[in-house]
Amino acid sequence: MTTDQLWLAVGFLGQALFSARFLIQWIASERQGKSVVPRPFWYFSVGGGMTLLAYALYRRDPVFILGQAAGLFVYARNLYFIFRNAEPIAH
């Protein structure tokens, strides 16, 4: 496998993670009968965003880099709010 092929695989992996978040959101919404954004949506957003950012950096694509970096800020901020406002677990 060449370096370019490896990075292409990384790019496809990132896109798969990023796309999976919509499937997760859709299933959660269907189960609850309303639009919801479950925590795993944000985990997949961060994982896919980081992987795609790495791929964008490899490709040296400034538009792709800016888009993924900005998105990562939003995803991380949402996780921050989730953890900051999390209910304590009863023991």
C-alpha atoms as a PDB file:
ATOM      1  CA  MET A   1       0.000   0.000   0.000  1.00  0.00           C
ATOM      2  CA  THR A   2       1.391   3.389  -0.972  1.00  0.00           C
ATOM      3  CA  THR A   3       1.268   6.505   1.198  1.00  0.00           C
ATOM      4  CA  ASP A   4      -1.387   8.015  -1.069  1.00  0.00           C
ATOM      5  CA  GLN A   5      -3.513   4.878  -0.797  1.00  0.00           C
ATOM      6  CA  LEU A   6      -3.166   4.910   3.003  1.00  0.00           C
ATOM      7  CA  TRP A   7      -4.291   8.531   3.179  1.00  0.00           C
ATOM      8  CA  LEU A   8      -7.155   7.814   0.819  1.00  0.00           C
ATOM      9  CA  ALA A   9      -8.256   5.067   3.233  1.00  0.00           C
ATOM     10  CA  VAL A  10      -7.975   7.559   6.118  1.00  0.00           C
ATOM     11  CA  GLY A  11     -10.155   9.985   4.174  1.00  0.00           C
ATOM     12  CA  PHE A  12     -12.799   7.341   3.523  1.00  0.00           C
ATOM     13  CA  LEU A  13     -12.714   6.256   7.180  1.00  0.00           C
ATOM     14  CA  GLY A  14     -13.234   9.847   8.291  1.00  0.00           C
ATOM     15  CA  GLN A  15     -16.128  10.258   5.883  1.00  0.00           C
ATOM     16  CA  ALA A  16     -17.689   7.007   7.099  1.00  0.00           C
ATOM     17  CA  LEU A  17     -17.462   8.135  10.751  1.00  0.00           C
ATOM     18  CA  PHE A  18     -18.822  11.541   9.870  1.00  0.00           C
ATOM     19  CA  SER A  19     -21.713  10.062   7.901  1.00  0.00           C
ATOM     20  CA  ALA A  20     -22.543   7.512  10.620  1.00  0.00           C
ATOM     21  CA  ARG A  21     -23.493  10.341  12.964  1.00  0.00           C
ATOM     22  CA  PHE A  22     -26.578  11.063  10.853  1.00  0.00           C
ATOM     23  CA  LEU A  23     -27.644   7.430  11.056  1.00  0.00           C
ATOM     24  CA  ILE A  24     -27.241   7.565  14.849  1.00  0.00           C
ATOM     25  CA  GLN A  25     -29.285  10.766  15.054  1.00  0.00           C
ATOM     26  CA  TRP A  26     -31.994   9.374  12.800  1.00  0.00           C
ATOM     27  CA  ILE A  27     -32.345   6.137  14.799  1.00  0.00           C
ATOM     28  CA  ALA A  28     -32.452   8.024  18.125  1.00  0.00           C
ATOM     29  CA  SER A  29     -35.110  10.399  16.772  1.00  0.00           C
ATOM     30  CA  GLU A  30     -37.216   7.537  15.411  1.00  0.00           C
ATOM     31  CA  ARG A  31     -37.074   5.744  18.771  1.00  0.00           C
ATOM     32  CA  GLN A  32     -38.180   8.837  20.683  1.00  0.00           C
ATOM     33  CA  GLY A  33     -40.659  10.040  18.096  1.00  0.00           C
ATOM     34  CA  LYS A  34     -39.077  13.502  18.022  1.00  0.00           C
ATOM     35  CA  SER A  35     -35.893  15.150  16.826  1.00  0.00           C
ATOM     36  CA  VAL A  36     -33.040  14.477  19.244  1.00  0.00           C
ATOM     37  CA  VAL A  37     -29.259  14.727  19.075  1.00  0.00           C
ATOM     38  CA  PRO A  38     -27.752  11.927  21.189  1.00  0.00           C
ATOM     39  CA  ARG A  39     -24.276  12.144  22.716  1.00  0.00           C
ATOM     40  CA  PRO A  40     -22.787   9.570  20.265  1.00  0.00           C
ATOM     41  CA  PHE A  41     -23.673  11.995  17.438  1.00  0.00           C
ATOM     42  CA  TRP A  42     -21.091  14.394  18.855  1.00  0.00           C
ATOM     43  CA  TYR A  43     -18.500  11.645  19.404  1.00  0.00           C
ATOM     44  CA  PHE A  44     -18.810  10.579  15.773  1.00  0.00           C
ATOM     45  CA  SER A  45     -18.675  14.246  14.735  1.00  0.00           C
ATOM     46  CA  VAL A  46     -15.379  14.726  16.589  1.00  0.00           C
ATOM     47  CA  GLY A  47     -13.918  11.407  15.388  1.00  0.00           C
ATOM     48  CA  GLY A  48     -14.910  11.980  11.784  1.00  0.00           C
ATOM     49  CA  GLY A  49     -13.910  15.646  11.913  1.00  0.00           C
ATOM     50  CA  MET A  50     -10.458  14.871  13.315  1.00  0.00           C
ATOM     51  CA  THR A  51      -9.861  12.141  10.762  1.00  0.00           C
ATOM     52  CA  LEU A  52     -11.031  14.334   7.897  1.00  0.00           C
ATOM     53  CA  LEU A  53      -8.922  17.233   9.198  1.00  0.00           C
ATOM     54  CA  ALA A  54      -5.846  14.980   9.159  1.00  0.00           C
ATOM     55  CA  TYR A  55      -6.684  13.997   5.582  1.00  0.00           C
ATOM     56  CA  ALA A  56      -7.249  17.658   4.615  1.00  0.00           C
ATOM     57  CA  LEU A  57      -3.878  18.601   6.119  1.00  0.00           C
ATOM     58  CA  TYR A  58      -2.213  15.840   4.133  1.00  0.00           C
ATOM     59  CA  ARG A  59      -3.915  17.113   0.971  1.00  0.00           C
ATOM     60  CA  ARG A  60      -2.998  20.712   1.904  1.00  0.00           C
ATOM     61  CA  ASP A  61      -6.508  21.836   1.022  1.00  0.00           C
ATOM     62  CA  PRO A  62      -7.136  25.158   2.815  1.00  0.00           C
ATOM     63  CA  VAL A  63     -10.908  25.134   2.218  1.00  0.00           C
ATOM     64  CA  PHE A  64     -11.264  21.598   3.585  1.00  0.00           C
ATOM     65  CA  ILE A  65      -8.903  22.400   6.504  1.00  0.00           C
ATOM     66  CA  LEU A  66     -10.862  25.502   7.519  1.00  0.00           C
ATOM     67  CA  GLY A  67     -14.199  23.714   7.270  1.00  0.00           C
ATOM     68  CA  GLN A  68     -13.125  20.750   9.393  1.00  0.00           C
ATOM     69  CA  ALA A  69     -11.279  22.853  11.977  1.00  0.00           C
ATOM     70  CA  ALA A  70     -14.292  25.136  12.460  1.00  0.00           C
ATOM     71  CA  GLY A  71     -16.610  22.147  12.740  1.00  0.00           C
ATOM     72  CA  LEU A  72     -14.386  20.521  15.373  1.00  0.00           C
ATOM     73  CA  PHE A  73     -14.705  23.611  17.532  1.00  0.00           C
ATOM     74  CA  VAL A  74     -18.514  23.369  17.394  1.00  0.00           C
ATOM     75  CA  TYR A  75     -18.549  19.615  18.116  1.00  0.00           C
ATOM     76  CA  ALA A  76     -16.151  19.945  21.041  1.00  0.00           C
ATOM     77  CA  ARG A  77     -18.125  22.869  22.441  1.00  0.00           C
ATOM     78  CA  ASN A  78     -21.328  20.816  22.369  1.00  0.00           C
ATOM     79  CA  LEU A  79     -19.612  17.984  24.240  1.00  0.00           C
ATOM     80  CA  TYR A  80     -18.346  20.526  26.775  1.00  0.00           C
ATOM     81  CA  PHE A  81     -21.922  21.696  27.394  1.00  0.00           C
ATOM     82  CA  ILE A  82     -23.144  18.099  27.692  1.00  0.00           C
ATOM     83  CA  PHE A  83     -20.518  17.219  30.296  1.00  0.00           C
ATOM     84  CA  ARG A  84     -20.800  20.533  32.141  1.00  0.00           C
ATOM     85  CA  ASN A  85     -24.553  20.082  32.558  1.00  0.00           C
ATOM     86  CA  ALA A  86     -24.567  16.311  33.092  1.00  0.00           C
ATOM     87  CA  GLU A  87     -26.646  14.956  35.914  1.00  0.00           C
ATOM     88  CA  PRO A  88     -24.601  13.132  38.574  1.00  0.00           C
ATOM     89  CA  ILE A  89     -24.899   9.347  38.479  1.00  0.00           C
ATOM     90  CA  ALA A  90     -26.721   7.949  41.515  1.00  0.00           C
ATOM     91  CA  HIS A  91     -24.918   5.158  43.366  1.00  0.00           C
END
